N, C-alpha and C. Protein backbone atom coordinates (compact mmCIF):
# COMPACT_ATOMS: atom_id res chain seq x y z
N MET A 1 -10.79 8.89 22.22
CA MET A 1 -11.75 7.86 22.55
C MET A 1 -12.31 7.28 21.26
N PRO A 2 -12.21 5.96 21.08
CA PRO A 2 -12.71 5.35 19.85
C PRO A 2 -14.21 5.53 19.70
N LEU A 3 -14.64 5.64 18.46
CA LEU A 3 -16.07 5.74 18.19
C LEU A 3 -16.69 4.35 18.22
N THR A 4 -17.90 4.29 18.68
CA THR A 4 -18.64 3.04 18.61
C THR A 4 -19.51 3.08 17.37
N ASN A 5 -20.04 1.97 16.98
CA ASN A 5 -20.88 1.91 15.78
C ASN A 5 -22.01 2.92 15.88
N GLY A 6 -22.18 3.65 14.81
CA GLY A 6 -23.28 4.59 14.74
C GLY A 6 -22.94 6.00 15.19
N GLU A 7 -21.81 6.18 15.87
CA GLU A 7 -21.45 7.52 16.30
C GLU A 7 -20.99 8.34 15.10
N VAL A 8 -21.26 9.62 15.14
CA VAL A 8 -20.87 10.52 14.07
C VAL A 8 -19.95 11.58 14.65
N LEU A 9 -18.87 11.86 13.94
CA LEU A 9 -17.96 12.91 14.38
C LEU A 9 -18.58 14.27 14.10
N ALA A 10 -18.40 15.20 15.02
CA ALA A 10 -18.84 16.58 14.79
C ALA A 10 -17.95 17.20 13.73
N SER A 11 -18.50 18.10 12.95
CA SER A 11 -17.72 18.78 11.92
C SER A 11 -16.63 19.63 12.55
N PHE A 12 -15.50 19.75 11.83
CA PHE A 12 -14.44 20.62 12.30
C PHE A 12 -15.00 22.03 12.39
N GLY A 13 -14.69 22.72 13.48
CA GLY A 13 -15.21 24.06 13.70
C GLY A 13 -16.46 24.08 14.54
N SER A 14 -16.96 22.91 14.91
CA SER A 14 -18.13 22.85 15.78
C SER A 14 -17.81 23.48 17.13
N TYR A 15 -16.55 23.44 17.50
CA TYR A 15 -16.09 24.04 18.74
C TYR A 15 -15.15 25.18 18.38
N THR A 16 -15.32 26.34 18.97
CA THR A 16 -14.50 27.49 18.61
C THR A 16 -13.02 27.22 18.81
N GLU A 17 -12.68 26.43 19.81
CA GLU A 17 -11.26 26.15 20.06
C GLU A 17 -10.63 25.28 18.97
N ASP A 18 -11.46 24.65 18.12
CA ASP A 18 -10.92 23.87 17.00
C ASP A 18 -10.03 24.72 16.11
N GLU A 19 -10.48 25.93 15.85
CA GLU A 19 -9.79 26.75 14.87
C GLU A 19 -8.95 27.88 15.45
N GLU A 20 -9.15 28.26 16.67
CA GLU A 20 -8.51 29.46 17.20
C GLU A 20 -7.00 29.45 17.06
N ASP A 21 -6.32 28.46 17.62
CA ASP A 21 -4.86 28.44 17.61
C ASP A 21 -4.30 28.28 16.21
N VAL A 22 -4.85 27.35 15.45
CA VAL A 22 -4.32 27.10 14.12
C VAL A 22 -4.57 28.29 13.19
N THR A 23 -5.70 28.95 13.33
CA THR A 23 -5.99 30.11 12.50
C THR A 23 -5.02 31.25 12.82
N GLU A 24 -4.79 31.50 14.08
CA GLU A 24 -3.85 32.56 14.47
C GLU A 24 -2.46 32.28 13.95
N PHE A 25 -2.00 31.04 14.11
CA PHE A 25 -0.67 30.67 13.62
C PHE A 25 -0.59 30.84 12.10
N ALA A 26 -1.60 30.37 11.40
CA ALA A 26 -1.60 30.45 9.94
C ALA A 26 -1.58 31.90 9.46
N LYS A 27 -2.33 32.76 10.11
CA LYS A 27 -2.35 34.17 9.72
C LYS A 27 -0.99 34.83 9.91
N GLN A 28 -0.26 34.38 10.92
CA GLN A 28 1.06 34.96 11.19
C GLN A 28 2.14 34.42 10.26
N THR A 29 1.94 33.24 9.73
CA THR A 29 3.03 32.58 8.98
C THR A 29 2.75 32.34 7.51
N MET A 30 1.51 32.49 7.06
CA MET A 30 1.16 32.15 5.68
C MET A 30 0.43 33.31 5.01
N SER A 31 0.51 33.30 3.70
CA SER A 31 -0.24 34.27 2.92
C SER A 31 -1.73 33.95 3.03
N GLU A 32 -2.56 34.97 3.05
CA GLU A 32 -4.02 34.76 3.15
C GLU A 32 -4.56 33.86 2.05
N LYS A 33 -3.93 33.88 0.87
CA LYS A 33 -4.46 33.07 -0.23
C LYS A 33 -4.32 31.57 0.02
N PHE A 34 -3.47 31.19 0.97
CA PHE A 34 -3.30 29.77 1.29
C PHE A 34 -4.19 29.33 2.46
N ILE A 35 -4.83 30.26 3.09
CA ILE A 35 -5.65 29.93 4.25
C ILE A 35 -7.09 29.74 3.79
N HIS A 36 -7.50 28.50 3.73
CA HIS A 36 -8.87 28.17 3.37
C HIS A 36 -9.50 27.55 4.61
N LYS A 37 -10.01 26.41 4.46
CA LYS A 37 -10.51 25.65 5.61
C LYS A 37 -9.28 25.01 6.25
N LEU A 38 -9.03 25.33 7.49
CA LEU A 38 -7.78 24.94 8.13
C LEU A 38 -7.81 23.60 8.83
N GLY A 39 -8.89 22.94 8.83
CA GLY A 39 -8.90 21.67 9.55
C GLY A 39 -9.96 20.72 9.05
N LYS A 40 -9.79 19.50 9.43
CA LYS A 40 -10.76 18.45 9.13
C LYS A 40 -10.85 17.55 10.35
N VAL A 41 -11.99 17.00 10.56
CA VAL A 41 -12.18 16.03 11.62
C VAL A 41 -11.60 14.71 11.15
N CYS A 42 -10.90 14.03 12.02
CA CYS A 42 -10.37 12.73 11.65
C CYS A 42 -10.50 11.79 12.83
N THR A 43 -10.42 10.54 12.53
CA THR A 43 -10.44 9.53 13.57
C THR A 43 -9.35 8.53 13.26
N TYR A 44 -8.95 7.82 14.24
CA TYR A 44 -7.94 6.79 14.02
C TYR A 44 -8.28 5.60 14.90
N THR A 45 -7.71 4.48 14.55
CA THR A 45 -7.96 3.27 15.31
C THR A 45 -6.67 2.79 15.95
N ASN A 46 -6.79 2.08 17.00
CA ASN A 46 -5.67 1.44 17.66
C ASN A 46 -5.90 -0.06 17.70
N THR A 47 -4.82 -0.80 17.77
CA THR A 47 -4.95 -2.24 17.99
C THR A 47 -5.40 -2.44 19.43
N PRO A 48 -5.95 -3.60 19.77
CA PRO A 48 -6.40 -3.82 21.14
C PRO A 48 -5.32 -3.60 22.20
N ASP A 49 -4.07 -3.93 21.87
CA ASP A 49 -3.00 -3.74 22.86
C ASP A 49 -2.20 -2.45 22.65
N GLY A 50 -2.56 -1.67 21.64
CA GLY A 50 -1.89 -0.40 21.39
C GLY A 50 -0.58 -0.50 20.63
N ASP A 51 -0.14 -1.69 20.29
CA ASP A 51 1.10 -1.87 19.54
C ASP A 51 0.81 -2.04 18.05
N PHE A 52 1.83 -1.82 17.23
CA PHE A 52 1.70 -1.93 15.79
C PHE A 52 1.44 -3.38 15.36
N ILE A 53 1.04 -3.51 14.13
CA ILE A 53 0.99 -4.82 13.48
C ILE A 53 1.97 -4.77 12.31
N ILE A 54 2.92 -5.69 12.31
CA ILE A 54 3.84 -5.86 11.19
C ILE A 54 3.93 -7.37 10.98
N ASP A 55 3.39 -7.81 9.85
CA ASP A 55 3.31 -9.25 9.63
C ASP A 55 2.99 -9.52 8.17
N ARG A 56 3.08 -10.78 7.82
CA ARG A 56 2.62 -11.21 6.50
C ARG A 56 1.15 -11.63 6.62
N PHE A 57 0.41 -11.38 5.58
CA PHE A 57 -0.99 -11.76 5.54
C PHE A 57 -1.07 -13.27 5.35
N LYS A 58 -1.68 -13.95 6.29
CA LYS A 58 -1.69 -15.42 6.31
C LYS A 58 -2.18 -16.04 4.99
N GLU A 59 -3.29 -15.53 4.48
CA GLU A 59 -3.88 -16.10 3.26
C GLU A 59 -3.09 -15.76 2.00
N HIS A 60 -2.28 -14.70 2.07
CA HIS A 60 -1.48 -14.25 0.93
C HIS A 60 -0.11 -13.83 1.45
N PRO A 61 0.79 -14.78 1.68
CA PRO A 61 2.08 -14.47 2.33
C PRO A 61 2.97 -13.50 1.57
N HIS A 62 2.65 -13.21 0.32
CA HIS A 62 3.41 -12.20 -0.42
C HIS A 62 2.97 -10.78 -0.05
N VAL A 63 1.90 -10.66 0.75
CA VAL A 63 1.40 -9.36 1.18
C VAL A 63 1.86 -9.10 2.61
N ILE A 64 2.51 -7.96 2.83
CA ILE A 64 2.98 -7.58 4.16
C ILE A 64 2.05 -6.51 4.71
N ILE A 65 1.64 -6.70 5.95
CA ILE A 65 0.75 -5.76 6.62
C ILE A 65 1.58 -4.93 7.60
N ALA A 66 1.42 -3.63 7.55
CA ALA A 66 2.04 -2.72 8.52
C ALA A 66 1.00 -1.67 8.84
N CYS A 67 0.45 -1.73 10.04
CA CYS A 67 -0.63 -0.80 10.38
C CYS A 67 -0.70 -0.61 11.89
N GLY A 68 -1.64 0.24 12.29
CA GLY A 68 -1.85 0.50 13.72
C GLY A 68 -0.92 1.57 14.26
N PHE A 69 -0.41 2.43 13.37
CA PHE A 69 0.59 3.42 13.80
C PHE A 69 -0.04 4.68 14.38
N SER A 70 -1.27 4.96 14.02
CA SER A 70 -1.97 6.14 14.51
C SER A 70 -1.06 7.35 14.50
N GLY A 71 -1.17 8.22 15.48
CA GLY A 71 -0.37 9.44 15.50
C GLY A 71 1.06 9.22 15.93
N HIS A 72 1.31 8.26 16.78
CA HIS A 72 2.65 8.10 17.32
C HIS A 72 3.57 7.28 16.43
N GLY A 73 3.07 6.69 15.39
CA GLY A 73 3.88 5.84 14.53
C GLY A 73 4.87 6.61 13.66
N PHE A 74 4.61 7.88 13.42
CA PHE A 74 5.47 8.67 12.54
C PHE A 74 6.93 8.65 13.00
N LYS A 75 7.15 8.73 14.28
CA LYS A 75 8.53 8.77 14.79
C LYS A 75 9.27 7.45 14.59
N PHE A 76 8.54 6.41 14.26
CA PHE A 76 9.16 5.10 14.02
C PHE A 76 9.30 4.80 12.53
N SER A 77 8.96 5.74 11.68
CA SER A 77 8.87 5.46 10.24
C SER A 77 10.18 4.96 9.63
N SER A 78 11.31 5.50 10.02
CA SER A 78 12.57 5.03 9.42
C SER A 78 12.87 3.59 9.83
N GLY A 79 12.62 3.25 11.09
CA GLY A 79 12.85 1.88 11.55
C GLY A 79 11.86 0.90 10.94
N ILE A 80 10.61 1.31 10.85
CA ILE A 80 9.59 0.45 10.25
C ILE A 80 9.92 0.25 8.76
N GLY A 81 10.36 1.30 8.10
CA GLY A 81 10.74 1.19 6.69
C GLY A 81 11.89 0.20 6.49
N GLU A 82 12.85 0.24 7.40
CA GLU A 82 13.97 -0.69 7.31
C GLU A 82 13.49 -2.13 7.50
N VAL A 83 12.66 -2.36 8.50
CA VAL A 83 12.11 -3.70 8.75
C VAL A 83 11.33 -4.20 7.54
N LEU A 84 10.47 -3.35 6.98
CA LEU A 84 9.67 -3.75 5.83
C LEU A 84 10.53 -4.04 4.61
N SER A 85 11.55 -3.22 4.40
CA SER A 85 12.43 -3.48 3.24
C SER A 85 13.17 -4.80 3.42
N GLN A 86 13.59 -5.13 4.63
CA GLN A 86 14.25 -6.41 4.88
C GLN A 86 13.29 -7.57 4.63
N MET A 87 12.04 -7.40 5.05
CA MET A 87 11.04 -8.45 4.83
C MET A 87 10.81 -8.68 3.34
N VAL A 88 10.79 -7.61 2.58
CA VAL A 88 10.56 -7.73 1.14
C VAL A 88 11.77 -8.34 0.45
N ILE A 89 12.97 -7.86 0.79
CA ILE A 89 14.18 -8.31 0.09
C ILE A 89 14.66 -9.67 0.57
N SER A 90 14.70 -9.87 1.88
CA SER A 90 15.27 -11.10 2.44
C SER A 90 14.24 -12.11 2.93
N GLY A 91 13.01 -11.71 2.99
CA GLY A 91 11.97 -12.62 3.48
C GLY A 91 11.72 -12.52 4.97
N LYS A 92 12.63 -11.86 5.70
CA LYS A 92 12.44 -11.67 7.14
C LYS A 92 13.27 -10.46 7.58
N SER A 93 12.93 -9.96 8.75
CA SER A 93 13.65 -8.81 9.31
C SER A 93 14.82 -9.28 10.16
N LYS A 94 15.85 -8.48 10.22
CA LYS A 94 16.97 -8.77 11.11
C LYS A 94 16.57 -8.52 12.57
N GLN A 95 15.52 -7.74 12.76
CA GLN A 95 15.02 -7.43 14.10
C GLN A 95 13.98 -8.47 14.51
N ASP A 96 13.86 -8.71 15.79
CA ASP A 96 12.80 -9.58 16.29
C ASP A 96 11.51 -8.77 16.31
N ILE A 97 10.64 -9.06 15.40
CA ILE A 97 9.36 -8.33 15.33
C ILE A 97 8.19 -9.24 15.70
N SER A 98 8.47 -10.34 16.36
CA SER A 98 7.41 -11.31 16.70
C SER A 98 6.31 -10.68 17.56
N PHE A 99 6.66 -9.69 18.38
CA PHE A 99 5.65 -9.06 19.24
C PHE A 99 4.72 -8.14 18.45
N PHE A 100 5.01 -7.91 17.16
CA PHE A 100 4.12 -7.14 16.30
C PHE A 100 3.24 -8.04 15.44
N SER A 101 3.33 -9.36 15.64
CA SER A 101 2.61 -10.31 14.82
C SER A 101 1.10 -10.14 14.93
N LEU A 102 0.44 -10.31 13.82
CA LEU A 102 -1.02 -10.29 13.80
C LEU A 102 -1.59 -11.46 14.59
N ARG A 103 -0.85 -12.54 14.68
CA ARG A 103 -1.31 -13.74 15.38
C ARG A 103 -1.35 -13.56 16.90
N ARG A 104 -0.88 -12.48 17.42
CA ARG A 104 -0.90 -12.28 18.87
C ARG A 104 -2.31 -12.06 19.42
N PHE A 105 -3.24 -11.76 18.53
CA PHE A 105 -4.63 -11.52 18.98
C PHE A 105 -5.42 -12.79 18.99
């Protein structure tokens, strides 16, 4: 759930379940000297429609924007990398990426 203005995230470990599973796994698989603070609170943002943004920055067309990947974007990294490299080298992608345009909003 996205945070609204003024909301503050609770510190990692505020809930016992924050650390239970990860601590147990770490103790079984890692040396104690590597186990410090095992987590951090993080937040992420989504675009209004939940899709990525891949586009050139209108005011500075030499700047390419690629964002909005949140947690699920990692699995697309090789494809996104290919698209971005094509945009840099050739000026455009071989793929139709119009639905990722910043102008859709």
